[in-house]
């Protein structure tokens, strides 16, 4: 939990490194890079295996993904490994790892991939710079339950305790992602849990995916970080997010142009209204002026 984070570097030196994740992204300071292409997931709609394994590893709920799920639109082709979640606790709306301008969303999903062109598997890839690529999806609360997330969340009752696994029916992983895969932030960072290897090419989508309040509560309140054998020591699995890390000298890129700075929506409306009124006024002046001259 959060209490132990400041000691992580004692057993895992990389956790004290200068390129750690997550970060608080100052959106106005992100550097637009028009050369960043849209991300192209391949095979995400129909994973080859009829079932997927969902597990409680004591730190999060993790869904193993077949490597036939490929991600293009990165420097090399990456293969999927797993996805997992970070959340807060019941009654608390904040549990995401990445912040946008200081705002922490209720939860965050990470889809982990490894560089399949250079490495045989993720355990080797994670030790090399750029060996991993992680997609970060922010989860906000909306009015309706999200059917794709239900494919995972309704099975959490079967993995209440650490070490438990359940086979769930396969479904479209693509449906868990936001619609706009061409709008994202990109930076070099790390795993957000020990060993904190600084090998991750991070992609964070600013467009959140909305789940219902009930779905968020399922995520926050279903799991224990302890094993079934120790019921009297049962610890709820909550607040499994890491505090934001220093950016240091890193650059955050954005795949989309910067919002026009300094104008709020209200000011933009006022400017447009003023311009339209000015044009109408000018038209009337010219129109009636011309009439009078006749």
C-alpha atoms as a PDB file:
ATOM      1  CA  UNK A   1       0.000   0.000   0.000  1.00  0.00           C
ATOM      2  CA  UNK A   2       0.914   3.693  -0.085  1.00  0.00           C
ATOM      3  CA  UNK A   3       2.646   3.475   3.338  1.00  0.00           C
ATOM      4  CA  UNK A   4       5.383   1.199   1.976  1.00  0.00           C
ATOM      5  CA  UNK A   5       6.141   3.113  -1.228  1.00  0.00           C
ATOM      6  CA  UNK A   6       8.886   5.318   0.182  1.00  0.00           C
ATOM      7  CA  UNK A   7      10.809   2.152   1.168  1.00  0.00           C
ATOM      8  CA  UNK A   8      10.529   0.371  -2.201  1.00  0.00           C
ATOM      9  CA  UNK A   9      13.971   1.573  -3.335  1.00  0.00           C
ATOM     10  CA  UNK A  10      15.651  -0.203  -0.393  1.00  0.00           C
ATOM     11  CA  UNK A  11      14.933  -3.634  -1.885  1.00  0.00           C
ATOM     12  CA  UNK A  12      14.532  -2.434  -5.490  1.00  0.00           C
ATOM     13  CA  UNK A  13      17.064   0.298  -6.367  1.00  0.00           C
ATOM     14  CA  UNK A  14      15.347   1.180  -9.669  1.00  0.00           C
ATOM     15  CA  UNK A  15      12.328   2.463  -7.693  1.00  0.00           C
ATOM     16  CA  UNK A  16      14.542   5.417  -6.739  1.00  0.00           C
ATOM     17  CA  UNK A  17      15.450   6.149 -10.377  1.00  0.00           C
ATOM     18  CA  UNK A  18      14.918   9.377 -12.332  1.00  0.00           C
ATOM     19  CA  UNK A  19      12.439   8.038 -14.924  1.00  0.00           C
ATOM     20  CA  UNK A  20       9.717   6.628 -12.682  1.00  0.00           C
ATOM     21  CA  UNK A  21       5.954   6.309 -13.186  1.00  0.00           C
ATOM     22  CA  UNK A  22       3.229   7.389 -12.721  1.00  0.00           C
ATOM     23  CA  UNK A  23       3.421  11.163 -13.254  1.00  0.00           C
ATOM     24  CA  UNK A  24       1.078  14.137 -13.029  1.00  0.00           C
ATOM     25  CA  UNK A  25       0.804  15.359 -16.631  1.00  0.00           C
ATOM     26  CA  UNK A  26       0.642  19.149 -16.962  1.00  0.00           C
ATOM     27  CA  UNK A  27      -1.386  19.189 -20.172  1.00  0.00           C
ATOM     28  CA  UNK A  28      -0.359  22.721 -21.214  1.00  0.00           C
ATOM     29  CA  UNK A  29       3.311  21.704 -21.019  1.00  0.00           C
ATOM     30  CA  UNK A  30       3.002  18.557 -23.140  1.00  0.00           C
ATOM     31  CA  UNK A  31       4.904  18.918 -26.411  1.00  0.00           C
ATOM     32  CA  UNK A  32       2.694  18.305 -29.483  1.00  0.00           C
ATOM     33  CA  UNK A  33       4.366  15.857 -31.880  1.00  0.00           C
ATOM     34  CA  UNK A  34       2.428  15.526 -35.161  1.00  0.00           C
ATOM     35  CA  UNK A  35       4.572  12.516 -36.144  1.00  0.00           C
ATOM     36  CA  UNK A  36       3.005  10.306 -33.433  1.00  0.00           C
ATOM     37  CA  UNK A  37       0.700   7.886 -35.319  1.00  0.00           C
ATOM     38  CA  UNK A  38      -2.666   6.512 -34.143  1.00  0.00           C
ATOM     39  CA  UNK A  39      -2.311   3.281 -32.171  1.00  0.00           C
ATOM     40  CA  UNK A  40      -3.511   0.198 -34.038  1.00  0.00           C
ATOM     41  CA  UNK A  41      -4.472  -2.818 -31.938  1.00  0.00           C
ATOM     42  CA  UNK A  42      -4.632  -6.019 -34.021  1.00  0.00           C
ATOM     43  CA  UNK A  43      -6.508  -9.126 -32.945  1.00  0.00           C
ATOM     44  CA  UNK A  44      -8.002  -7.359 -29.907  1.00  0.00           C
ATOM     45  CA  UNK A  45     -11.584  -7.854 -31.092  1.00  0.00           C
ATOM     46  CA  UNK A  46     -11.282 -11.646 -31.096  1.00  0.00           C
ATOM     47  CA  UNK A  47      -8.580 -13.090 -28.837  1.00  0.00           C
ATOM     48  CA  UNK A  48      -7.669 -16.573 -30.179  1.00  0.00           C
ATOM     49  CA  UNK A  49      -8.275 -18.414 -26.911  1.00  0.00           C
ATOM     50  CA  UNK A  50     -11.930 -19.152 -26.002  1.00  0.00           C
ATOM     51  CA  UNK A  51     -11.151 -18.406 -22.342  1.00  0.00           C
ATOM     52  CA  UNK A  52      -8.913 -15.932 -20.537  1.00  0.00           C
ATOM     53  CA  UNK A  53      -7.444 -16.318 -17.041  1.00  0.00           C
ATOM     54  CA  UNK A  54      -8.344 -13.699 -14.435  1.00  0.00           C
ATOM     55  CA  UNK A  55      -6.258 -13.715 -11.241  1.00  0.00           C
ATOM     56  CA  UNK A  56      -5.919 -11.935  -7.906  1.00  0.00           C
ATOM     57  CA  UNK A  57      -2.149 -11.644  -7.402  1.00  0.00           C
ATOM     58  CA  UNK A  58      -2.490  -9.894  -4.048  1.00  0.00           C
ATOM     59  CA  UNK A  59      -1.791  -6.480  -5.610  1.00  0.00           C
ATOM     60  CA  UNK A  60      -4.414  -6.195  -8.356  1.00  0.00           C
ATOM     61  CA  UNK A  61      -6.854  -8.081 -10.590  1.00  0.00           C
ATOM     62  CA  UNK A  62      -4.890  -9.212 -13.641  1.00  0.00           C
ATOM     63  CA  UNK A  63      -6.222 -10.659 -16.904  1.00  0.00           C
ATOM     64  CA  UNK A  64      -3.683 -12.669 -18.936  1.00  0.00           C
ATOM     65  CA  UNK A  65      -3.777 -11.828 -22.670  1.00  0.00           C
ATOM     66  CA  UNK A  66      -2.629 -14.034 -25.578  1.00  0.00           C
ATOM     67  CA  UNK A  67       0.412 -12.666 -27.490  1.00  0.00           C
ATOM     68  CA  UNK A  68      -1.629 -12.856 -30.713  1.00  0.00           C
ATOM     69  CA  UNK A  69      -2.925  -9.424 -29.615  1.00  0.00           C
ATOM     70  CA  UNK A  70      -0.499  -7.080 -31.385  1.00  0.00           C
ATOM     71  CA  UNK A  71      -0.067  -3.345 -31.024  1.00  0.00           C
ATOM     72  CA  UNK A  72       1.191  -1.278 -33.965  1.00  0.00           C
ATOM     73  CA  UNK A  73       1.772   2.469 -34.204  1.00  0.00           C
ATOM     74  CA  UNK A  74       4.837   2.228 -31.931  1.00  0.00           C
ATOM     75  CA  UNK A  75       8.527   2.133 -32.956  1.00  0.00           C
ATOM     76  CA  UNK A  76       8.246  -1.674 -33.178  1.00  0.00           C
ATOM     77  CA  UNK A  77       5.469  -4.272 -32.996  1.00  0.00           C
ATOM     78  CA  UNK A  78       4.462  -5.109 -29.428  1.00  0.00           C
ATOM     79  CA  UNK A  79       2.595  -8.184 -28.179  1.00  0.00           C
ATOM     80  CA  UNK A  80       0.078  -8.080 -25.311  1.00  0.00           C
ATOM     81  CA  UNK A  81       0.861  -9.779 -21.984  1.00  0.00           C
ATOM     82  CA  UNK A  82      -1.835  -8.796 -19.503  1.00  0.00           C
ATOM     83  CA  UNK A  83      -4.097  -6.017 -18.290  1.00  0.00           C
ATOM     84  CA  UNK A  84      -4.696  -4.986 -14.696  1.00  0.00           C
ATOM     85  CA  UNK A  85      -6.335  -2.272 -12.614  1.00  0.00           C
ATOM     86  CA  UNK A  86      -5.511   0.388 -10.020  1.00  0.00           C
ATOM     87  CA  UNK A  87      -8.205   1.814  -7.750  1.00  0.00           C
ATOM     88  CA  UNK A  88      -8.897   3.562  -4.444  1.00  0.00           C
ATOM     89  CA  UNK A  89     -11.232   2.396  -1.695  1.00  0.00           C
ATOM     90  CA  UNK A  90     -15.013   2.322  -1.150  1.00  0.00           C
ATOM     91  CA  UNK A  91     -16.373   5.840  -0.679  1.00  0.00           C
ATOM     92  CA  UNK A  92     -13.310   7.471  -2.275  1.00  0.00           C
ATOM     93  CA  UNK A  93     -13.476   8.695  -5.840  1.00  0.00           C
ATOM     94  CA  UNK A  94      -9.703   8.713  -6.497  1.00  0.00           C
ATOM     95  CA  UNK A  95      -7.645   5.656  -7.406  1.00  0.00           C
ATOM     96  CA  UNK A  96      -5.946   6.176 -10.791  1.00  0.00           C
ATOM     97  CA  UNK A  97      -2.151   6.324 -11.020  1.00  0.00           C
ATOM     98  CA  UNK A  98      -1.647   9.002 -13.671  1.00  0.00           C
ATOM     99  CA  UNK A  99      -2.965  12.472 -12.933  1.00  0.00           C
ATOM    100  CA  UNK A 100      -4.015  15.050 -15.527  1.00  0.00           C
ATOM    101  CA  UNK A 101      -3.423  18.589 -14.227  1.00  0.00           C
ATOM    102  CA  UNK A 102      -3.656  17.286 -10.666  1.00  0.00           C
ATOM    103  CA  UNK A 103      -6.932  15.397 -11.174  1.00  0.00           C
ATOM    104  CA  UNK A 104      -6.905  11.741 -10.119  1.00  0.00           C
ATOM    105  CA  UNK A 105      -9.604   9.647 -11.834  1.00  0.00           C
ATOM    106  CA  UNK A 106     -11.451   6.942  -9.827  1.00  0.00           C
ATOM    107  CA  UNK A 107      -9.497   4.075 -11.435  1.00  0.00           C
ATOM    108  CA  UNK A 108      -7.045   3.208 -14.203  1.00  0.00           C
ATOM    109  CA  UNK A 109      -6.522   0.182 -16.433  1.00  0.00           C
ATOM    110  CA  UNK A 110      -3.071  -0.750 -17.771  1.00  0.00           C
ATOM    111  CA  UNK A 111      -2.645  -2.957 -20.843  1.00  0.00           C
ATOM    112  CA  UNK A 112       0.933  -4.280 -20.787  1.00  0.00           C
ATOM    113  CA  UNK A 113       2.831  -5.260 -23.974  1.00  0.00           C
ATOM    114  CA  UNK A 114       6.401  -6.292 -24.767  1.00  0.00           C
ATOM    115  CA  UNK A 115       8.600  -5.638 -27.806  1.00  0.00           C
ATOM    116  CA  UNK A 116       8.068  -8.896 -29.716  1.00  0.00           C
ATOM    117  CA  UNK A 117      10.625  -7.981 -32.397  1.00  0.00           C
ATOM    118  CA  UNK A 118      13.566  -7.833 -29.985  1.00  0.00           C
ATOM    119  CA  UNK A 119      12.581 -10.128 -27.119  1.00  0.00           C
ATOM    120  CA  UNK A 120      11.188 -13.614 -26.507  1.00  0.00           C
ATOM    121  CA  UNK A 121       8.942 -12.612 -23.599  1.00  0.00           C
ATOM    122  CA  UNK A 122       8.033  -9.828 -21.183  1.00  0.00           C
ATOM    123  CA  UNK A 123      10.321 -10.975 -18.364  1.00  0.00           C
ATOM    124  CA  UNK A 124      13.359 -10.422 -20.604  1.00  0.00           C
ATOM    125  CA  UNK A 125      11.928  -7.304 -22.297  1.00  0.00           C
ATOM    126  CA  UNK A 126      11.191  -5.515 -19.008  1.00  0.00           C
ATOM    127  CA  UNK A 127      14.930  -5.267 -18.272  1.00  0.00           C
ATOM    128  CA  UNK A 128      15.687  -3.282 -21.447  1.00  0.00           C
ATOM    129  CA  UNK A 129      14.831   0.360 -22.310  1.00  0.00           C
ATOM    130  CA  UNK A 130      11.736   0.451 -24.517  1.00  0.00           C
ATOM    131  CA  UNK A 131      11.140  -3.248 -23.897  1.00  0.00           C
ATOM    132  CA  UNK A 132       7.594  -2.674 -22.636  1.00  0.00           C
ATOM    133  CA  UNK A 133       4.703  -0.537 -23.888  1.00  0.00           C
ATOM    134  CA  UNK A 134       1.782   0.134 -21.555  1.00  0.00           C
ATOM    135  CA  UNK A 135      -1.551   1.712 -22.468  1.00  0.00           C
ATOM    136  CA  UNK A 136      -3.094   3.698 -19.617  1.00  0.00           C
ATOM    137  CA  UNK A 137      -6.891   4.064 -19.680  1.00  0.00           C
ATOM    138  CA  UNK A 138      -8.534   6.364 -17.129  1.00  0.00           C
ATOM    139  CA  UNK A 139     -11.872   5.172 -15.744  1.00  0.00           C
ATOM    140  CA  UNK A 140     -14.462   7.777 -14.756  1.00  0.00           C
ATOM    141  CA  UNK A 141     -17.992   7.242 -13.454  1.00  0.00           C
ATOM    142  CA  UNK A 142     -20.910   7.680 -15.865  1.00  0.00           C
ATOM    143  CA  UNK A 143     -24.624   6.884 -15.726  1.00  0.00           C
ATOM    144  CA  UNK A 144     -24.532   3.471 -17.387  1.00  0.00           C
ATOM    145  CA  UNK A 145     -22.653   0.244 -16.735  1.00  0.00           C
ATOM    146  CA  UNK A 146     -19.996  -0.469 -19.373  1.00  0.00           C
ATOM    147  CA  UNK A 147     -20.753  -3.901 -20.916  1.00  0.00           C
ATOM    148  CA  UNK A 148     -17.129  -4.679 -21.860  1.00  0.00           C
ATOM    149  CA  UNK A 149     -15.873  -4.032 -18.318  1.00  0.00           C
ATOM    150  CA  UNK A 150     -18.681  -6.196 -16.988  1.00  0.00           C
ATOM    151  CA  UNK A 151     -16.965  -9.159 -18.701  1.00  0.00           C
ATOM    152  CA  UNK A 152     -14.221  -8.785 -16.072  1.00  0.00           C
ATOM    153  CA  UNK A 153     -15.882  -7.178 -13.057  1.00  0.00           C
ATOM    154  CA  UNK A 154     -18.670  -9.737 -12.669  1.00  0.00           C
ATOM    155  CA  UNK A 155     -16.043 -12.441 -12.063  1.00  0.00           C
ATOM    156  CA  UNK A 156     -14.207 -10.664  -9.229  1.00  0.00           C
ATOM    157  CA  UNK A 157     -16.267 -12.623  -6.688  1.00  0.00           C
ATOM    158  CA  UNK A 158     -14.486 -15.787  -7.894  1.00  0.00           C
ATOM    159  CA  UNK A 159     -11.006 -14.386  -7.111  1.00  0.00           C
ATOM    160  CA  UNK A 160     -11.652 -12.704  -3.776  1.00  0.00           C
ATOM    161  CA  UNK A 161      -8.402 -13.926  -2.220  1.00  0.00           C
ATOM    162  CA  UNK A 162      -4.763 -13.594  -3.275  1.00  0.00           C
ATOM    163  CA  UNK A 163      -3.610 -16.514  -5.408  1.00  0.00           C
ATOM    164  CA  UNK A 164      -7.066 -17.361  -6.765  1.00  0.00           C
ATOM    165  CA  UNK A 165      -7.706 -17.593 -10.518  1.00  0.00           C
ATOM    166  CA  UNK A 166     -10.785 -18.097 -12.683  1.00  0.00           C
ATOM    167  CA  UNK A 167     -11.223 -18.861 -16.400  1.00  0.00           C
ATOM    168  CA  UNK A 168     -13.613 -16.351 -17.976  1.00  0.00           C
ATOM    169  CA  UNK A 169     -15.170 -16.345 -21.470  1.00  0.00           C
ATOM    170  CA  UNK A 170     -13.074 -14.489 -24.015  1.00  0.00           C
ATOM    171  CA  UNK A 171     -14.373 -11.095 -25.235  1.00  0.00           C
ATOM    172  CA  UNK A 172     -13.255  -8.092 -27.289  1.00  0.00           C
ATOM    173  CA  UNK A 173     -10.383  -6.367 -25.465  1.00  0.00           C
ATOM    174  CA  UNK A 174     -10.733  -3.541 -28.013  1.00  0.00           C
ATOM    175  CA  UNK A 175     -14.061  -2.594 -26.377  1.00  0.00           C
ATOM    176  CA  UNK A 176     -12.241  -1.716 -23.135  1.00  0.00           C
ATOM    177  CA  UNK A 177     -10.304   1.067 -24.895  1.00  0.00           C
ATOM    178  CA  UNK A 178     -11.459   4.642 -25.545  1.00  0.00           C
ATOM    179  CA  UNK A 179     -12.704   5.487 -29.049  1.00  0.00           C
ATOM    180  CA  UNK A 180      -9.943   7.968 -29.918  1.00  0.00           C
ATOM    181  CA  UNK A 181      -6.733   5.959 -30.149  1.00  0.00           C
ATOM    182  CA  UNK A 182      -5.108   8.829 -32.045  1.00  0.00           C
ATOM    183  CA  UNK A 183      -5.208  11.193 -29.026  1.00  0.00           C
ATOM    184  CA  UNK A 184      -2.675  10.319 -26.340  1.00  0.00           C
ATOM    185  CA  UNK A 185       0.244  11.445 -24.191  1.00  0.00           C
ATOM    186  CA  UNK A 186       3.554   9.623 -24.577  1.00  0.00           C
ATOM    187  CA  UNK A 187       6.543   9.531 -22.232  1.00  0.00           C
ATOM    188  CA  UNK A 188       9.340   7.229 -21.068  1.00  0.00           C
ATOM    189  CA  UNK A 189       8.767   5.765 -17.632  1.00  0.00           C
ATOM    190  CA  UNK A 190       8.689   2.669 -15.481  1.00  0.00           C
ATOM    191  CA  UNK A 191       6.664  -0.140 -13.984  1.00  0.00           C
ATOM    192  CA  UNK A 192       4.612   1.422 -11.170  1.00  0.00           C
ATOM    193  CA  UNK A 193       5.311  -1.482  -8.775  1.00  0.00           C
ATOM    194  CA  UNK A 194       8.620  -3.066  -7.714  1.00  0.00           C
ATOM    195  CA  UNK A 195      10.997  -3.800  -9.382  1.00  0.00           C
ATOM    196  CA  UNK A 196      10.091  -0.422 -11.064  1.00  0.00           C
ATOM    197  CA  UNK A 197      12.186  -1.169 -14.175  1.00  0.00           C
ATOM    198  CA  UNK A 198      12.572   1.988 -16.298  1.00  0.00           C
ATOM    199  CA  UNK A 199      11.737   0.192 -19.529  1.00  0.00           C
ATOM    200  CA  UNK A 200       8.206   1.400 -20.298  1.00  0.00           C
ATOM    201  CA  UNK A 201       7.042   3.438 -23.267  1.00  0.00           C
ATOM    202  CA  UNK A 202       3.894   4.942 -21.733  1.00  0.00           C
ATOM    203  CA  UNK A 203       0.767   5.903 -23.672  1.00  0.00           C
ATOM    204  CA  UNK A 204      -1.970   7.619 -21.650  1.00  0.00           C
ATOM    205  CA  UNK A 205      -5.308   8.457 -23.269  1.00  0.00           C
ATOM    206  CA  UNK A 206      -6.845  11.736 -22.055  1.00  0.00           C
ATOM    207  CA  UNK A 207     -10.305  10.506 -23.108  1.00  0.00           C
ATOM    208  CA  UNK A 208     -11.640   8.448 -20.174  1.00  0.00           C
ATOM    209  CA  UNK A 209     -13.847   5.371 -20.400  1.00  0.00           C
ATOM    210  CA  UNK A 210     -16.997   5.571 -18.279  1.00  0.00           C
ATOM    211  CA  UNK A 211     -18.178   2.783 -15.993  1.00  0.00           C
ATOM    212  CA  UNK A 212     -21.094   2.934 -13.559  1.00  0.00           C
ATOM    213  CA  UNK A 213     -20.826   3.733  -9.858  1.00  0.00           C
ATOM    214  CA  UNK A 214     -21.826   0.116  -9.101  1.00  0.00           C
ATOM    215  CA  UNK A 215     -19.016  -1.173 -11.340  1.00  0.00           C
ATOM    216  CA  UNK A 216     -16.497   1.088  -9.609  1.00  0.00           C
ATOM    217  CA  UNK A 217     -17.699  -0.228  -6.233  1.00  0.00           C
ATOM    218  CA  UNK A 218     -17.219  -3.820  -7.490  1.00  0.00           C
ATOM    219  CA  UNK A 219     -13.610  -2.974  -8.288  1.00  0.00           C
ATOM    220  CA  UNK A 220     -13.059  -1.177  -4.979  1.00  0.00           C
ATOM    221  CA  UNK A 221     -14.720  -3.683  -2.677  1.00  0.00           C
ATOM    222  CA  UNK A 222     -14.464  -7.236  -4.041  1.00  0.00           C
ATOM    223  CA  UNK A 223     -10.889  -8.326  -3.386  1.00  0.00           C
ATOM    224  CA  UNK A 224      -8.528  -9.132  -0.521  1.00  0.00           C
ATOM    225  CA  UNK A 225      -4.745  -8.825  -0.662  1.00  0.00           C
ATOM    226  CA  UNK A 226      -4.464 -11.849   1.656  1.00  0.00           C
ATOM    227  CA  UNK A 227      -4.965 -15.576   1.062  1.00  0.00           C
ATOM    228  CA  UNK A 228      -8.096 -17.549   1.892  1.00  0.00           C
ATOM    229  CA  UNK A 229      -6.140 -19.638   4.431  1.00  0.00           C
ATOM    230  CA  UNK A 230      -5.834 -16.593   6.736  1.00  0.00           C
ATOM    231  CA  UNK A 231      -9.443 -15.350   7.052  1.00  0.00           C
ATOM    232  CA  UNK A 232      -8.877 -13.607  10.405  1.00  0.00           C
ATOM    233  CA  UNK A 233      -6.069 -11.522   8.841  1.00  0.00           C
ATOM    234  CA  UNK A 234      -8.128 -10.646   5.723  1.00  0.00           C
ATOM    235  CA  UNK A 235      -6.885  -7.331   4.295  1.00  0.00           C
ATOM    236  CA  UNK A 236      -9.058  -5.547   1.714  1.00  0.00           C
ATOM    237  CA  UNK A 237      -7.178  -4.905  -1.542  1.00  0.00           C
ATOM    238  CA  UNK A 238      -7.581  -1.121  -1.782  1.00  0.00           C
ATOM    239  CA  UNK A 239      -5.553   1.989  -2.689  1.00  0.00           C
ATOM    240  CA  UNK A 240      -3.237   0.018  -4.984  1.00  0.00           C
ATOM    241  CA  UNK A 241      -1.914   3.111  -6.761  1.00  0.00           C
ATOM    242  CA  UNK A 242       1.528   4.703  -6.566  1.00  0.00           C
ATOM    243  CA  UNK A 243       2.092   8.375  -5.712  1.00  0.00           C
ATOM    244  CA  UNK A 244       3.104  10.589  -8.681  1.00  0.00           C
ATOM    245  CA  UNK A 245       6.851  10.630  -9.379  1.00  0.00           C
ATOM    246  CA  UNK A 246       9.140  13.508 -10.358  1.00  0.00           C
ATOM    247  CA  UNK A 247       9.263  14.238 -14.087  1.00  0.00           C
ATOM    248  CA  UNK A 248      12.944  15.296 -13.796  1.00  0.00           C
ATOM    249  CA  UNK A 249      14.309  16.048 -17.292  1.00  0.00           C
ATOM    250  CA  UNK A 250      11.724  14.017 -19.195  1.00  0.00           C
ATOM    251  CA  UNK A 251       9.523  15.346 -21.971  1.00  0.00           C
ATOM    252  CA  UNK A 252       5.830  14.456 -22.274  1.00  0.00           C
ATOM    253  CA  UNK A 253       4.669  14.382 -25.906  1.00  0.00           C
ATOM    254  CA  UNK A 254       1.089  14.647 -27.138  1.00  0.00           C
ATOM    255  CA  UNK A 255      -0.170  13.196 -30.416  1.00  0.00           C
ATOM    256  CA  UNK A 256      -2.586  16.105 -30.864  1.00  0.00           C
ATOM    257  CA  UNK A 257      -2.167  19.896 -31.128  1.00  0.00           C
ATOM    258  CA  UNK A 258      -2.277  22.028 -28.008  1.00  0.00           C
ATOM    259  CA  UNK A 259      -5.619  23.524 -27.033  1.00  0.00           C
ATOM    260  CA  UNK A 260      -5.655  27.274 -27.815  1.00  0.00           C
ATOM    261  CA  UNK A 261      -4.182  28.701 -24.651  1.00  0.00           C
ATOM    262  CA  UNK A 262      -5.619  31.263 -22.319  1.00  0.00           C
ATOM    263  CA  UNK A 263      -9.269  31.163 -23.428  1.00  0.00           C
ATOM    264  CA  UNK A 264     -11.965  29.325 -21.493  1.00  0.00           C
ATOM    265  CA  UNK A 265     -15.048  28.011 -23.284  1.00  0.00           C
ATOM    266  CA  UNK A 266     -17.014  31.032 -22.046  1.00  0.00           C
ATOM    267  CA  UNK A 267     -14.430  33.437 -23.416  1.00  0.00           C
ATOM    268  CA  UNK A 268     -14.390  31.634 -26.771  1.00  0.00           C
ATOM    269  CA  UNK A 269     -18.209  31.885 -26.962  1.00  0.00           C
ATOM    270  CA  UNK A 270     -18.026  35.586 -26.056  1.00  0.00           C
ATOM    271  CA  UNK A 271     -15.402  36.195 -28.764  1.00  0.00           C
ATOM    272  CA  UNK A 272     -17.456  34.333 -31.397  1.00  0.00           C
ATOM    273  CA  UNK A 273     -20.638  36.125 -30.316  1.00  0.00           C
ATOM    274  CA  UNK A 274     -18.820  39.466 -30.470  1.00  0.00           C
ATOM    275  CA  UNK A 275     -17.436  38.686 -33.912  1.00  0.00           C
ATOM    276  CA  UNK A 276     -20.863  37.615 -35.239  1.00  0.00           C
ATOM    277  CA  UNK A 277     -22.539  40.694 -33.728  1.00  0.00           C
ATOM    278  CA  UNK A 278     -19.799  42.849 -35.262  1.00  0.00           C
ATOM    279  CA  UNK A 279     -20.328  41.296 -38.703  1.00  0.00           C
ATOM    280  CA  UNK A 280     -24.123  41.730 -38.467  1.00  0.00           C
ATOM    281  CA  UNK A 281     -23.631  45.353 -37.368  1.00  0.00           C
ATOM    282  CA  UNK A 282     -21.234  45.988 -40.219  1.00  0.00           C
ATOM    283  CA  UNK A 283     -23.619  44.365 -42.718  1.00  0.00           C
ATOM    284  CA  UNK A 284     -26.557  46.489 -41.494  1.00  0.00           C
ATOM    285  CA  UNK A 285     -24.456  49.664 -41.566  1.00  0.00           C
ATOM    286  CA  UNK A 286     -23.268  48.966 -45.124  1.00  0.00           C
ATOM    287  CA  UNK A 287     -26.749  47.830 -46.265  1.00  0.00           C
ATOM    288  CA  UNK A 288     -28.629  50.865 -44.899  1.00  0.00           C
ATOM    289  CA  UNK A 289     -25.765  53.204 -45.777  1.00  0.00           C
ATOM    290  CA  UNK A 290     -25.965  52.016 -49.386  1.00  0.00           C
ATOM    291  CA  UNK A 291     -29.782  52.448 -49.377  1.00  0.00           C
ATOM    292  CA  UNK A 292     -29.470  56.027 -48.117  1.00  0.00           C
ATOM    293  CA  UNK A 293     -26.914  56.870 -50.801  1.00  0.00           C
ATOM    294  CA  UNK A 294     -29.363  55.681 -53.467  1.00  0.00           C
END
